[in-house]
Amino acid sequence: MIASNEVLKTRRTKKDDSLPDYKIFETNEFINCLESLPRKDKSKIEKKLTHFVYPQLKKEPHYGINIKKLHGYNPGTWRYRIGNYRIFYIIEKQIINIISIDHRKDAYK
């Protein structure tokens, strides 16, 4: 049983190494929304973006504990949860377009 788990890990590693990283682009709407956040929230979110969110999205934007695909959106839209805020993005080939950030109470209206 242990050997089969190690094989799976090896396959995933080889697959991950062969795939190029995704490129991340921030839209003007996202930048404006980020600038309009309260100062303490903005600084926390910027730190999370640079240290956790962007590195994870560059490697695998489809899977993660804070990632969810939204139903009923065209084009397909994904969300990343950061505390009380939600970041919304679209994946096109190897490009991620970050389109918005909203407080969770306003995010899905």
N, C-alpha and C. Protein backbone atom coordinates (compact mmCIF):
# COMPACT_ATOMS: atom_id res chain seq x y z
N MET A 1 0.82 -1.20 0.00
CA MET A 1 0.00 0.00 0.00
C MET A 1 0.86 1.25 0.00
N ILE A 2 1.94 1.26 0.74
CA ILE A 2 2.82 2.42 0.80
C ILE A 2 3.46 2.67 -0.56
N ALA A 3 3.86 1.62 -1.24
CA ALA A 3 4.50 1.78 -2.54
C ALA A 3 3.56 2.45 -3.54
N SER A 4 2.29 2.10 -3.53
CA SER A 4 1.35 2.71 -4.49
C SER A 4 1.16 4.19 -4.19
N ASN A 5 1.15 4.59 -2.92
CA ASN A 5 1.05 6.01 -2.58
C ASN A 5 2.27 6.77 -3.05
N GLU A 6 3.43 6.16 -2.92
CA GLU A 6 4.66 6.82 -3.37
C GLU A 6 4.66 6.97 -4.89
N VAL A 7 4.12 5.99 -5.59
CA VAL A 7 4.03 6.08 -7.05
C VAL A 7 3.12 7.24 -7.43
N LEU A 8 2.00 7.38 -6.75
CA LEU A 8 1.09 8.49 -7.04
C LEU A 8 1.77 9.83 -6.80
N LYS A 9 2.49 9.95 -5.71
CA LYS A 9 3.21 11.20 -5.43
C LYS A 9 4.23 11.49 -6.51
N THR A 10 4.94 10.47 -6.95
CA THR A 10 5.94 10.65 -7.99
C THR A 10 5.29 11.10 -9.29
N ARG A 11 4.18 10.48 -9.64
CA ARG A 11 3.49 10.86 -10.87
C ARG A 11 3.01 12.31 -10.81
N ARG A 12 2.45 12.70 -9.69
CA ARG A 12 1.99 14.08 -9.55
C ARG A 12 3.14 15.06 -9.66
N THR A 13 4.24 14.74 -9.03
CA THR A 13 5.41 15.62 -9.07
C THR A 13 5.91 15.76 -10.50
N LYS A 14 6.03 14.64 -11.20
CA LYS A 14 6.50 14.71 -12.58
C LYS A 14 5.54 15.50 -13.44
N LYS A 15 4.24 15.31 -13.24
CA LYS A 15 3.25 16.04 -14.01
C LYS A 15 3.33 17.53 -13.70
N ASP A 16 3.44 17.88 -12.41
CA ASP A 16 3.51 19.28 -12.01
C ASP A 16 4.76 19.95 -12.58
N ASP A 17 5.88 19.22 -12.62
CA ASP A 17 7.11 19.79 -13.13
C ASP A 17 7.05 20.04 -14.63
N SER A 18 6.28 19.22 -15.35
CA SER A 18 6.23 19.35 -16.80
C SER A 18 5.29 20.47 -17.24
N LEU A 19 4.34 20.84 -16.39
CA LEU A 19 3.40 21.89 -16.76
C LEU A 19 3.98 23.27 -16.44
N PRO A 20 3.84 24.22 -17.35
CA PRO A 20 4.30 25.58 -17.04
C PRO A 20 3.37 26.26 -16.04
N ASP A 21 3.90 27.23 -15.32
CA ASP A 21 3.10 27.98 -14.38
C ASP A 21 2.07 28.84 -15.11
N TYR A 22 0.98 29.10 -14.43
CA TYR A 22 -0.03 30.01 -14.95
C TYR A 22 0.47 31.44 -14.76
N LYS A 23 0.04 32.34 -15.63
CA LYS A 23 0.36 33.76 -15.49
C LYS A 23 -0.85 34.46 -14.90
N ILE A 24 -0.60 35.40 -14.01
CA ILE A 24 -1.69 36.10 -13.32
C ILE A 24 -1.73 37.55 -13.76
N PHE A 25 -2.92 37.99 -14.13
CA PHE A 25 -3.15 39.39 -14.50
C PHE A 25 -4.26 39.95 -13.63
N GLU A 26 -4.06 41.16 -13.13
CA GLU A 26 -5.07 41.84 -12.32
C GLU A 26 -5.78 42.85 -13.21
N THR A 27 -7.11 42.81 -13.22
CA THR A 27 -7.87 43.78 -14.01
C THR A 27 -7.94 45.11 -13.26
N ASN A 28 -8.30 46.15 -13.99
CA ASN A 28 -8.45 47.47 -13.36
C ASN A 28 -9.54 47.45 -12.30
N GLU A 29 -10.61 46.71 -12.54
CA GLU A 29 -11.69 46.60 -11.55
C GLU A 29 -11.16 46.00 -10.25
N PHE A 30 -10.35 44.96 -10.35
CA PHE A 30 -9.77 44.33 -9.16
C PHE A 30 -8.88 45.32 -8.41
N ILE A 31 -8.04 46.03 -9.12
CA ILE A 31 -7.14 47.00 -8.48
C ILE A 31 -7.94 48.10 -7.79
N ASN A 32 -8.99 48.59 -8.44
CA ASN A 32 -9.83 49.63 -7.83
C ASN A 32 -10.54 49.10 -6.57
N CYS A 33 -11.04 47.88 -6.64
CA CYS A 33 -11.71 47.28 -5.47
C CYS A 33 -10.72 47.09 -4.33
N LEU A 34 -9.51 46.67 -4.65
CA LEU A 34 -8.48 46.48 -3.63
C LEU A 34 -8.10 47.80 -2.97
N GLU A 35 -8.00 48.84 -3.77
CA GLU A 35 -7.64 50.17 -3.25
C GLU A 35 -8.74 50.74 -2.36
N SER A 36 -9.99 50.36 -2.59
CA SER A 36 -11.10 50.92 -1.82
C SER A 36 -11.37 50.18 -0.51
N LEU A 37 -10.63 49.10 -0.24
CA LEU A 37 -10.82 48.36 1.00
C LEU A 37 -10.31 49.17 2.19
N PRO A 38 -10.85 48.89 3.40
CA PRO A 38 -10.31 49.54 4.61
C PRO A 38 -8.82 49.23 4.76
N ARG A 39 -8.07 50.16 5.32
CA ARG A 39 -6.61 50.07 5.39
C ARG A 39 -6.13 48.77 6.04
N LYS A 40 -6.71 48.39 7.19
CA LYS A 40 -6.22 47.18 7.86
C LYS A 40 -6.53 45.92 7.05
N ASP A 41 -7.69 45.87 6.41
CA ASP A 41 -8.02 44.72 5.57
C ASP A 41 -7.15 44.68 4.33
N LYS A 42 -6.90 45.83 3.74
CA LYS A 42 -6.10 45.91 2.53
C LYS A 42 -4.69 45.38 2.76
N SER A 43 -4.05 45.78 3.86
CA SER A 43 -2.68 45.32 4.11
C SER A 43 -2.64 43.81 4.35
N LYS A 44 -3.62 43.27 5.08
CA LYS A 44 -3.66 41.82 5.31
C LYS A 44 -3.87 41.06 4.00
N ILE A 45 -4.77 41.55 3.18
CA ILE A 45 -5.08 40.87 1.92
C ILE A 45 -3.89 40.94 0.97
N GLU A 46 -3.21 42.08 0.90
CA GLU A 46 -2.04 42.18 0.03
C GLU A 46 -0.95 41.19 0.44
N LYS A 47 -0.74 41.03 1.75
CA LYS A 47 0.24 40.05 2.22
C LYS A 47 -0.18 38.63 1.86
N LYS A 48 -1.45 38.31 2.05
CA LYS A 48 -1.94 36.97 1.69
C LYS A 48 -1.81 36.72 0.19
N LEU A 49 -2.12 37.75 -0.61
CA LEU A 49 -2.01 37.60 -2.06
C LEU A 49 -0.59 37.25 -2.47
N THR A 50 0.39 37.98 -1.97
CA THR A 50 1.77 37.77 -2.41
C THR A 50 2.38 36.49 -1.85
N HIS A 51 2.03 36.12 -0.62
CA HIS A 51 2.68 34.98 0.02
C HIS A 51 1.95 33.65 -0.15
N PHE A 52 0.63 33.67 -0.34
CA PHE A 52 -0.13 32.42 -0.41
C PHE A 52 -0.94 32.26 -1.68
N VAL A 53 -1.78 33.26 -1.99
CA VAL A 53 -2.75 33.11 -3.07
C VAL A 53 -2.07 33.01 -4.43
N TYR A 54 -1.25 33.98 -4.80
CA TYR A 54 -0.65 33.97 -6.13
C TYR A 54 0.27 32.77 -6.35
N PRO A 55 1.11 32.38 -5.38
CA PRO A 55 1.90 31.16 -5.61
C PRO A 55 1.04 29.92 -5.82
N GLN A 56 -0.06 29.80 -5.07
CA GLN A 56 -0.94 28.64 -5.25
C GLN A 56 -1.63 28.69 -6.60
N LEU A 57 -2.14 29.85 -6.99
CA LEU A 57 -2.84 29.96 -8.27
C LEU A 57 -1.90 29.72 -9.44
N LYS A 58 -0.64 30.13 -9.33
CA LYS A 58 0.31 29.90 -10.41
C LYS A 58 0.55 28.42 -10.64
N LYS A 59 0.53 27.64 -9.58
CA LYS A 59 0.76 26.20 -9.71
C LYS A 59 -0.51 25.44 -10.08
N GLU A 60 -1.60 25.68 -9.36
CA GLU A 60 -2.85 24.94 -9.58
C GLU A 60 -4.06 25.78 -9.19
N PRO A 61 -4.66 26.49 -10.15
CA PRO A 61 -5.80 27.36 -9.84
C PRO A 61 -7.15 26.65 -9.74
N HIS A 62 -7.19 25.35 -10.02
CA HIS A 62 -8.45 24.62 -10.02
C HIS A 62 -8.77 23.94 -8.69
N TYR A 63 -7.75 23.65 -7.89
CA TYR A 63 -7.96 22.86 -6.68
C TYR A 63 -7.32 23.52 -5.47
N GLY A 64 -8.02 23.45 -4.36
CA GLY A 64 -7.49 23.96 -3.10
C GLY A 64 -8.62 24.11 -2.11
N ILE A 65 -8.25 24.22 -0.84
CA ILE A 65 -9.25 24.30 0.22
C ILE A 65 -10.08 25.58 0.11
N ASN A 66 -9.51 26.64 -0.40
CA ASN A 66 -10.21 27.93 -0.50
C ASN A 66 -10.72 28.23 -1.90
N ILE A 67 -10.61 27.29 -2.81
CA ILE A 67 -10.99 27.50 -4.21
C ILE A 67 -12.29 26.76 -4.51
N LYS A 68 -13.16 27.44 -5.24
CA LYS A 68 -14.42 26.82 -5.64
C LYS A 68 -14.84 27.36 -7.00
N LYS A 69 -15.33 26.47 -7.86
CA LYS A 69 -15.87 26.91 -9.14
C LYS A 69 -17.32 27.33 -8.93
N LEU A 70 -17.68 28.49 -9.46
CA LEU A 70 -19.03 29.00 -9.31
C LEU A 70 -19.92 28.47 -10.44
N HIS A 71 -21.11 28.09 -10.11
CA HIS A 71 -22.05 27.54 -11.09
C HIS A 71 -22.90 28.66 -11.67
N GLY A 72 -23.21 28.53 -12.96
CA GLY A 72 -24.11 29.47 -13.61
C GLY A 72 -23.43 30.71 -14.17
N TYR A 73 -22.10 30.74 -14.19
CA TYR A 73 -21.38 31.89 -14.72
C TYR A 73 -20.79 31.53 -16.07
N ASN A 74 -20.88 32.46 -17.02
CA ASN A 74 -20.28 32.26 -18.32
C ASN A 74 -19.50 33.51 -18.67
N PRO A 75 -18.19 33.48 -18.83
CA PRO A 75 -17.32 32.31 -18.80
C PRO A 75 -17.17 31.76 -17.39
N GLY A 76 -16.64 30.54 -17.29
CA GLY A 76 -16.47 29.87 -16.00
C GLY A 76 -15.68 30.74 -15.03
N THR A 77 -16.26 31.00 -13.88
CA THR A 77 -15.64 31.87 -12.88
C THR A 77 -15.33 31.06 -11.62
N TRP A 78 -14.20 31.38 -11.02
CA TRP A 78 -13.74 30.72 -9.81
C TRP A 78 -13.64 31.75 -8.70
N ARG A 79 -13.70 31.27 -7.46
CA ARG A 79 -13.51 32.17 -6.34
C ARG A 79 -12.46 31.61 -5.40
N TYR A 80 -11.71 32.52 -4.79
CA TYR A 80 -10.72 32.17 -3.77
C TYR A 80 -11.12 32.89 -2.49
N ARG A 81 -11.25 32.16 -1.41
CA ARG A 81 -11.71 32.72 -0.15
C ARG A 81 -10.51 33.17 0.69
N ILE A 82 -10.54 34.44 1.12
CA ILE A 82 -9.56 34.97 2.07
C ILE A 82 -10.35 35.60 3.20
N GLY A 83 -10.55 34.87 4.27
CA GLY A 83 -11.32 35.38 5.40
C GLY A 83 -12.71 35.78 4.98
N ASN A 84 -13.07 37.05 5.20
CA ASN A 84 -14.39 37.55 4.84
C ASN A 84 -14.45 38.08 3.41
N TYR A 85 -13.37 37.96 2.67
CA TYR A 85 -13.32 38.47 1.30
C TYR A 85 -13.24 37.34 0.30
N ARG A 86 -13.73 37.61 -0.90
CA ARG A 86 -13.71 36.64 -1.99
C ARG A 86 -13.04 37.27 -3.20
N ILE A 87 -12.09 36.56 -3.77
CA ILE A 87 -11.43 36.99 -5.00
C ILE A 87 -12.03 36.15 -6.13
N PHE A 88 -12.42 36.80 -7.20
CA PHE A 88 -13.02 36.11 -8.33
C PHE A 88 -12.06 36.16 -9.52
N TYR A 89 -11.94 35.03 -10.21
CA TYR A 89 -11.02 34.98 -11.34
C TYR A 89 -11.54 34.04 -12.42
N ILE A 90 -11.00 34.25 -13.62
CA ILE A 90 -11.33 33.45 -14.80
C ILE A 90 -10.04 32.81 -15.29
N ILE A 91 -10.12 31.56 -15.69
CA ILE A 91 -8.95 30.84 -16.21
C ILE A 91 -9.13 30.66 -17.71
N GLU A 92 -8.16 31.12 -18.49
CA GLU A 92 -8.15 30.96 -19.94
C GLU A 92 -6.79 30.41 -20.34
N LYS A 93 -6.77 29.15 -20.75
CA LYS A 93 -5.53 28.44 -21.09
C LYS A 93 -4.59 28.51 -19.90
N GLN A 94 -3.45 29.17 -20.02
CA GLN A 94 -2.49 29.27 -18.92
C GLN A 94 -2.49 30.68 -18.31
N ILE A 95 -3.60 31.41 -18.45
CA ILE A 95 -3.70 32.77 -17.94
C ILE A 95 -4.85 32.87 -16.95
N ILE A 96 -4.57 33.51 -15.81
CA ILE A 96 -5.60 33.76 -14.80
C ILE A 96 -5.86 35.25 -14.76
N ASN A 97 -7.09 35.64 -14.99
CA ASN A 97 -7.50 37.05 -14.90
C ASN A 97 -8.25 37.25 -13.60
N ILE A 98 -7.64 37.99 -12.68
CA ILE A 98 -8.28 38.30 -11.40
C ILE A 98 -9.24 39.45 -11.69
N ILE A 99 -10.54 39.22 -11.53
CA ILE A 99 -11.50 40.22 -11.97
C ILE A 99 -12.08 41.09 -10.86
N SER A 100 -12.14 40.56 -9.62
CA SER A 100 -12.76 41.36 -8.57
C SER A 100 -12.42 40.81 -7.20
N ILE A 101 -12.59 41.66 -6.19
CA ILE A 101 -12.53 41.25 -4.79
C ILE A 101 -13.68 41.94 -4.08
N ASP A 102 -14.43 41.17 -3.31
CA ASP A 102 -15.60 41.70 -2.61
C ASP A 102 -15.68 41.10 -1.21
N HIS A 103 -16.33 41.84 -0.32
CA HIS A 103 -16.66 41.30 1.00
C HIS A 103 -17.70 40.21 0.77
N ARG A 104 -17.68 39.20 1.61
CA ARG A 104 -18.56 38.04 1.37
C ARG A 104 -20.05 38.42 1.40
N LYS A 105 -20.42 39.45 2.15
CA LYS A 105 -21.83 39.83 2.18
C LYS A 105 -22.30 40.45 0.87
N ASP A 106 -21.37 41.01 0.08
CA ASP A 106 -21.70 41.64 -1.19
C ASP A 106 -21.28 40.81 -2.40
N ALA A 107 -20.60 39.72 -2.17
CA ALA A 107 -19.92 39.01 -3.25
C ALA A 107 -20.86 38.36 -4.26
N TYR A 108 -21.95 37.81 -3.82
CA TYR A 108 -22.76 37.01 -4.73
C TYR A 108 -24.06 37.67 -5.15
N LYS A 109 -24.16 38.99 -5.01
CA LYS A 109 -25.37 39.71 -5.40
C LYS A 109 -25.38 40.04 -6.87
